[in-house]
Amino acid sequence: ILVVPILVGLGDIIGVMGGFLVATGTLGFNTAAYLQNTANFLQFSDIASSLAKGAVFGGIAAIMGCYYGMGSGRGAQGVGTATKGSVEAAAILILAANFVLTGVFFSS
């Protein structure tokens, strides 16, 4: 649950820096203008919501993995069936959680 928000934070940083490199290096944007606009338009709620979503999604994936893993059958076939069920359940729950969390964080 703790690792996913750290990865999300790292991904956020890499995304902003990648945008900076493309905007200034390829598209010819002014460096100072890019940094100023980033500072002006990036809100704390954007960062907080991405980290909170990462924690919730990581928790869902971990719980589903444990739930289906504890009930897995014997052998490779049982593990494969449990893995498939875990991934399917986590995907559906993450989609539903994303819908709810987006409504909570961004409803005005």
N, C-alpha and C. Protein backbone atom coordinates (compact mmCIF):
# COMPACT_ATOMS: atom_id res chain seq x y z
N ILE A 1 0.84 -1.19 0.00
CA ILE A 1 0.00 0.00 0.00
C ILE A 1 0.88 1.25 0.00
N LEU A 2 2.03 1.19 0.61
CA LEU A 2 2.91 2.35 0.68
C LEU A 2 3.73 2.53 -0.59
N VAL A 3 4.05 1.45 -1.27
CA VAL A 3 4.92 1.54 -2.44
C VAL A 3 4.23 2.23 -3.60
N VAL A 4 2.95 1.98 -3.82
CA VAL A 4 2.25 2.55 -4.98
C VAL A 4 2.21 4.07 -4.93
N PRO A 5 1.90 4.72 -3.81
CA PRO A 5 1.95 6.19 -3.80
C PRO A 5 3.36 6.73 -4.07
N ILE A 6 4.38 6.01 -3.62
CA ILE A 6 5.75 6.45 -3.91
C ILE A 6 6.00 6.37 -5.42
N LEU A 7 5.55 5.29 -6.05
CA LEU A 7 5.70 5.17 -7.50
C LEU A 7 4.88 6.22 -8.23
N VAL A 8 3.69 6.53 -7.73
CA VAL A 8 2.87 7.58 -8.34
C VAL A 8 3.57 8.93 -8.24
N GLY A 9 4.13 9.23 -7.08
CA GLY A 9 4.87 10.49 -6.91
C GLY A 9 6.06 10.57 -7.85
N LEU A 10 6.79 9.48 -7.98
CA LEU A 10 7.91 9.44 -8.91
C LEU A 10 7.43 9.62 -10.34
N GLY A 11 6.31 8.97 -10.67
CA GLY A 11 5.74 9.12 -12.01
C GLY A 11 5.28 10.55 -12.27
N ASP A 12 4.73 11.21 -11.26
CA ASP A 12 4.34 12.62 -11.41
C ASP A 12 5.55 13.49 -11.72
N ILE A 13 6.61 13.28 -10.98
CA ILE A 13 7.84 14.06 -11.20
C ILE A 13 8.41 13.80 -12.59
N ILE A 14 8.48 12.53 -12.98
CA ILE A 14 9.00 12.19 -14.30
C ILE A 14 8.11 12.78 -15.39
N GLY A 15 6.80 12.77 -15.19
CA GLY A 15 5.88 13.34 -16.17
C GLY A 15 6.07 14.83 -16.35
N VAL A 16 6.23 15.56 -15.25
CA VAL A 16 6.45 17.00 -15.34
C VAL A 16 7.80 17.29 -16.00
N MET A 17 8.81 16.53 -15.62
CA MET A 17 10.14 16.76 -16.22
C MET A 17 10.15 16.36 -17.70
N GLY A 18 9.44 15.29 -18.05
CA GLY A 18 9.33 14.90 -19.45
C GLY A 18 8.60 15.96 -20.26
N GLY A 19 7.53 16.52 -19.69
CA GLY A 19 6.83 17.62 -20.35
C GLY A 19 7.73 18.82 -20.54
N PHE A 20 8.56 19.10 -19.53
CA PHE A 20 9.52 20.20 -19.63
C PHE A 20 10.50 19.98 -20.77
N LEU A 21 11.05 18.77 -20.85
CA LEU A 21 12.04 18.48 -21.89
C LEU A 21 11.42 18.56 -23.29
N VAL A 22 10.22 18.04 -23.46
CA VAL A 22 9.57 18.10 -24.76
C VAL A 22 9.18 19.54 -25.11
N ALA A 23 8.61 20.24 -24.15
CA ALA A 23 8.15 21.61 -24.42
C ALA A 23 9.31 22.54 -24.74
N THR A 24 10.39 22.46 -23.97
CA THR A 24 11.50 23.38 -24.19
C THR A 24 12.46 22.90 -25.27
N GLY A 25 12.68 21.60 -25.34
CA GLY A 25 13.65 21.08 -26.30
C GLY A 25 13.09 20.89 -27.69
N THR A 26 11.89 20.37 -27.81
CA THR A 26 11.33 20.04 -29.11
C THR A 26 10.41 21.14 -29.64
N LEU A 27 9.56 21.66 -28.77
CA LEU A 27 8.56 22.63 -29.22
C LEU A 27 9.01 24.07 -29.12
N GLY A 28 10.15 24.31 -28.49
CA GLY A 28 10.72 25.65 -28.42
C GLY A 28 10.06 26.58 -27.43
N PHE A 29 9.38 26.03 -26.40
CA PHE A 29 8.78 26.89 -25.38
C PHE A 29 9.87 27.56 -24.56
N ASN A 30 9.53 28.70 -24.00
CA ASN A 30 10.43 29.41 -23.11
C ASN A 30 10.51 28.65 -21.78
N THR A 31 11.73 28.42 -21.31
CA THR A 31 11.95 27.65 -20.08
C THR A 31 11.27 28.31 -18.88
N ALA A 32 11.48 29.60 -18.72
CA ALA A 32 10.91 30.31 -17.57
C ALA A 32 9.38 30.30 -17.63
N ALA A 33 8.82 30.44 -18.84
CA ALA A 33 7.36 30.44 -18.97
C ALA A 33 6.79 29.07 -18.63
N TYR A 34 7.46 28.01 -19.05
CA TYR A 34 6.98 26.66 -18.73
C TYR A 34 6.97 26.44 -17.22
N LEU A 35 8.08 26.77 -16.57
CA LEU A 35 8.17 26.58 -15.12
C LEU A 35 7.16 27.43 -14.38
N GLN A 36 6.97 28.68 -14.84
CA GLN A 36 6.00 29.57 -14.19
C GLN A 36 4.58 29.05 -14.36
N ASN A 37 4.24 28.60 -15.56
CA ASN A 37 2.90 28.06 -15.78
C ASN A 37 2.67 26.78 -14.99
N THR A 38 3.69 25.95 -14.89
CA THR A 38 3.57 24.74 -14.09
C THR A 38 3.30 25.10 -12.63
N ALA A 39 4.04 26.05 -12.11
CA ALA A 39 3.84 26.49 -10.73
C ALA A 39 2.47 27.12 -10.53
N ASN A 40 1.99 27.85 -11.54
CA ASN A 40 0.70 28.53 -11.42
C ASN A 40 -0.49 27.56 -11.47
N PHE A 41 -0.40 26.56 -12.33
CA PHE A 41 -1.55 25.70 -12.58
C PHE A 41 -1.55 24.40 -11.78
N LEU A 42 -0.42 23.98 -11.27
CA LEU A 42 -0.37 22.76 -10.48
C LEU A 42 -0.86 23.06 -9.07
N GLN A 43 -1.89 22.36 -8.65
CA GLN A 43 -2.47 22.59 -7.34
C GLN A 43 -2.14 21.43 -6.41
N PHE A 44 -2.14 21.73 -5.13
CA PHE A 44 -1.86 20.69 -4.14
C PHE A 44 -2.88 19.57 -4.22
N SER A 45 -4.12 19.91 -4.55
CA SER A 45 -5.17 18.88 -4.63
C SER A 45 -4.87 17.88 -5.74
N ASP A 46 -4.21 18.31 -6.81
CA ASP A 46 -3.83 17.38 -7.88
C ASP A 46 -2.83 16.34 -7.36
N ILE A 47 -1.86 16.80 -6.62
CA ILE A 47 -0.83 15.90 -6.08
C ILE A 47 -1.44 15.00 -5.00
N ALA A 48 -2.21 15.58 -4.10
CA ALA A 48 -2.80 14.81 -3.01
C ALA A 48 -3.76 13.75 -3.54
N SER A 49 -4.56 14.10 -4.53
CA SER A 49 -5.51 13.13 -5.07
C SER A 49 -4.80 11.99 -5.79
N SER A 50 -3.72 12.29 -6.50
CA SER A 50 -3.00 11.22 -7.19
C SER A 50 -2.35 10.26 -6.19
N LEU A 51 -1.79 10.80 -5.11
CA LEU A 51 -1.17 9.94 -4.09
C LEU A 51 -2.22 9.13 -3.34
N ALA A 52 -3.37 9.74 -3.04
CA ALA A 52 -4.44 9.02 -2.34
C ALA A 52 -5.01 7.91 -3.23
N LYS A 53 -5.21 8.23 -4.51
CA LYS A 53 -5.71 7.20 -5.43
C LYS A 53 -4.71 6.06 -5.54
N GLY A 54 -3.42 6.39 -5.61
CA GLY A 54 -2.40 5.35 -5.68
C GLY A 54 -2.44 4.44 -4.46
N ALA A 55 -2.64 5.01 -3.29
CA ALA A 55 -2.73 4.20 -2.07
C ALA A 55 -3.96 3.30 -2.09
N VAL A 56 -5.10 3.86 -2.51
CA VAL A 56 -6.33 3.06 -2.56
C VAL A 56 -6.20 1.95 -3.59
N PHE A 57 -5.68 2.27 -4.77
CA PHE A 57 -5.55 1.26 -5.82
C PHE A 57 -4.56 0.18 -5.41
N GLY A 58 -3.47 0.56 -4.78
CA GLY A 58 -2.51 -0.43 -4.28
C GLY A 58 -3.12 -1.31 -3.21
N GLY A 59 -3.92 -0.72 -2.34
CA GLY A 59 -4.62 -1.50 -1.32
C GLY A 59 -5.60 -2.49 -1.92
N ILE A 60 -6.32 -2.05 -2.93
CA ILE A 60 -7.27 -2.95 -3.60
C ILE A 60 -6.53 -4.11 -4.23
N ALA A 61 -5.44 -3.83 -4.93
CA ALA A 61 -4.68 -4.90 -5.58
C ALA A 61 -4.12 -5.88 -4.56
N ALA A 62 -3.62 -5.36 -3.45
CA ALA A 62 -3.06 -6.23 -2.41
C ALA A 62 -4.14 -7.08 -1.75
N ILE A 63 -5.27 -6.48 -1.44
CA ILE A 63 -6.35 -7.22 -0.79
C ILE A 63 -6.90 -8.30 -1.71
N MET A 64 -7.10 -7.97 -2.96
CA MET A 64 -7.62 -8.97 -3.90
C MET A 64 -6.61 -10.10 -4.12
N GLY A 65 -5.34 -9.76 -4.17
CA GLY A 65 -4.31 -10.79 -4.31
C GLY A 65 -4.31 -11.74 -3.12
N CYS A 66 -4.42 -11.17 -1.93
CA CYS A 66 -4.46 -12.01 -0.72
C CYS A 66 -5.74 -12.83 -0.65
N TYR A 67 -6.86 -12.21 -0.95
CA TYR A 67 -8.15 -12.90 -0.86
C TYR A 67 -8.19 -14.10 -1.80
N TYR A 68 -7.84 -13.87 -3.05
CA TYR A 68 -7.89 -14.98 -4.02
C TYR A 68 -6.74 -15.96 -3.80
N GLY A 69 -5.60 -15.47 -3.33
CA GLY A 69 -4.47 -16.36 -3.07
C GLY A 69 -4.72 -17.32 -1.93
N MET A 70 -5.44 -16.86 -0.90
CA MET A 70 -5.73 -17.74 0.23
C MET A 70 -6.68 -18.86 -0.16
N GLY A 71 -7.49 -18.63 -1.18
CA GLY A 71 -8.44 -19.66 -1.58
C GLY A 71 -8.04 -20.39 -2.84
N SER A 72 -6.78 -20.26 -3.22
CA SER A 72 -6.36 -20.89 -4.48
C SER A 72 -6.29 -22.41 -4.32
N GLY A 73 -6.48 -23.06 -5.46
CA GLY A 73 -6.39 -24.51 -5.46
C GLY A 73 -4.95 -24.98 -5.50
N ARG A 74 -4.76 -26.27 -5.56
CA ARG A 74 -3.42 -26.84 -5.57
C ARG A 74 -2.84 -26.78 -6.98
N GLY A 75 -1.53 -26.64 -7.03
CA GLY A 75 -0.81 -26.72 -8.29
C GLY A 75 -0.87 -25.45 -9.11
N ALA A 76 -0.26 -25.53 -10.27
CA ALA A 76 -0.16 -24.37 -11.15
C ALA A 76 -1.52 -23.92 -11.65
N GLN A 77 -2.42 -24.86 -11.89
CA GLN A 77 -3.74 -24.51 -12.39
C GLN A 77 -4.51 -23.72 -11.33
N GLY A 78 -4.42 -24.12 -10.08
CA GLY A 78 -5.10 -23.41 -9.01
C GLY A 78 -4.55 -22.01 -8.82
N VAL A 79 -3.23 -21.89 -8.90
CA VAL A 79 -2.61 -20.57 -8.77
C VAL A 79 -2.99 -19.68 -9.95
N GLY A 80 -3.01 -20.26 -11.14
CA GLY A 80 -3.39 -19.49 -12.32
C GLY A 80 -4.82 -19.00 -12.25
N THR A 81 -5.71 -19.85 -11.78
CA THR A 81 -7.12 -19.47 -11.64
C THR A 81 -7.28 -18.37 -10.59
N ALA A 82 -6.56 -18.50 -9.49
CA ALA A 82 -6.62 -17.47 -8.44
C ALA A 82 -6.06 -16.15 -8.95
N THR A 83 -4.97 -16.20 -9.70
CA THR A 83 -4.37 -14.99 -10.25
C THR A 83 -5.33 -14.30 -11.20
N LYS A 84 -5.95 -15.07 -12.06
CA LYS A 84 -6.91 -14.51 -13.02
C LYS A 84 -8.06 -13.85 -12.28
N GLY A 85 -8.61 -14.52 -11.29
CA GLY A 85 -9.71 -13.95 -10.52
C GLY A 85 -9.31 -12.69 -9.77
N SER A 86 -8.10 -12.70 -9.23
CA SER A 86 -7.60 -11.54 -8.50
C SER A 86 -7.45 -10.33 -9.41
N VAL A 87 -6.90 -10.53 -10.59
CA VAL A 87 -6.70 -9.43 -11.53
C VAL A 87 -8.05 -8.89 -12.00
N GLU A 88 -8.97 -9.78 -12.30
CA GLU A 88 -10.30 -9.34 -12.76
C GLU A 88 -11.02 -8.55 -11.68
N ALA A 89 -11.03 -9.06 -10.46
CA ALA A 89 -11.70 -8.38 -9.36
C ALA A 89 -11.05 -7.03 -9.06
N ALA A 90 -9.72 -7.01 -9.04
CA ALA A 90 -9.00 -5.76 -8.76
C ALA A 90 -9.29 -4.73 -9.84
N ALA A 91 -9.32 -5.14 -11.10
CA ALA A 91 -9.57 -4.20 -12.18
C ALA A 91 -10.95 -3.56 -12.05
N ILE A 92 -11.94 -4.36 -11.74
CA ILE A 92 -13.31 -3.83 -11.60
C ILE A 92 -13.41 -2.93 -10.38
N LEU A 93 -12.81 -3.34 -9.26
CA LEU A 93 -12.87 -2.52 -8.05
C LEU A 93 -12.07 -1.22 -8.20
N ILE A 94 -10.95 -1.27 -8.90
CA ILE A 94 -10.17 -0.06 -9.14
C ILE A 94 -10.95 0.91 -10.02
N LEU A 95 -11.63 0.40 -11.03
CA LEU A 95 -12.46 1.25 -11.88
C LEU A 95 -13.56 1.92 -11.05
N ALA A 96 -14.23 1.15 -10.21
CA ALA A 96 -15.28 1.71 -9.36
C ALA A 96 -14.71 2.72 -8.35
N ALA A 97 -13.58 2.38 -7.75
CA ALA A 97 -12.95 3.29 -6.78
C ALA A 97 -12.50 4.58 -7.46
N ASN A 98 -12.01 4.48 -8.68
CA ASN A 98 -11.60 5.68 -9.41
C ASN A 98 -12.79 6.59 -9.65
N PHE A 99 -13.92 6.01 -10.01
CA PHE A 99 -15.14 6.79 -10.22
C PHE A 99 -15.54 7.53 -8.94
N VAL A 100 -15.53 6.82 -7.82
CA VAL A 100 -15.94 7.41 -6.54
C VAL A 100 -14.92 8.46 -6.09
N LEU A 101 -13.64 8.13 -6.14
CA LEU A 101 -12.62 9.07 -5.66
C LEU A 101 -12.55 10.31 -6.53
N THR A 102 -12.72 10.18 -7.83
CA THR A 102 -12.74 11.36 -8.69
C THR A 102 -13.91 12.27 -8.31
N GLY A 103 -15.06 11.68 -8.04
CA GLY A 103 -16.20 12.47 -7.59
C GLY A 103 -15.94 13.16 -6.27
N VAL A 104 -15.27 12.47 -5.36
CA VAL A 104 -14.99 13.06 -4.04
C VAL A 104 -13.97 14.18 -4.15
N PHE A 105 -12.89 13.96 -4.90
CA PHE A 105 -11.82 14.95 -4.96
C PHE A 105 -12.13 16.15 -5.85
N PHE A 106 -12.90 15.95 -6.90
CA PHE A 106 -13.05 17.01 -7.89
C PHE A 106 -14.47 17.52 -8.04
N SER A 107 -15.37 17.18 -7.14
CA SER A 107 -16.72 17.75 -7.21
C SER A 107 -16.70 19.15 -6.63
N SER A 108 -17.33 20.04 -7.33
CA SER A 108 -17.33 21.44 -6.86
C SER A 108 -18.72 21.91 -6.55
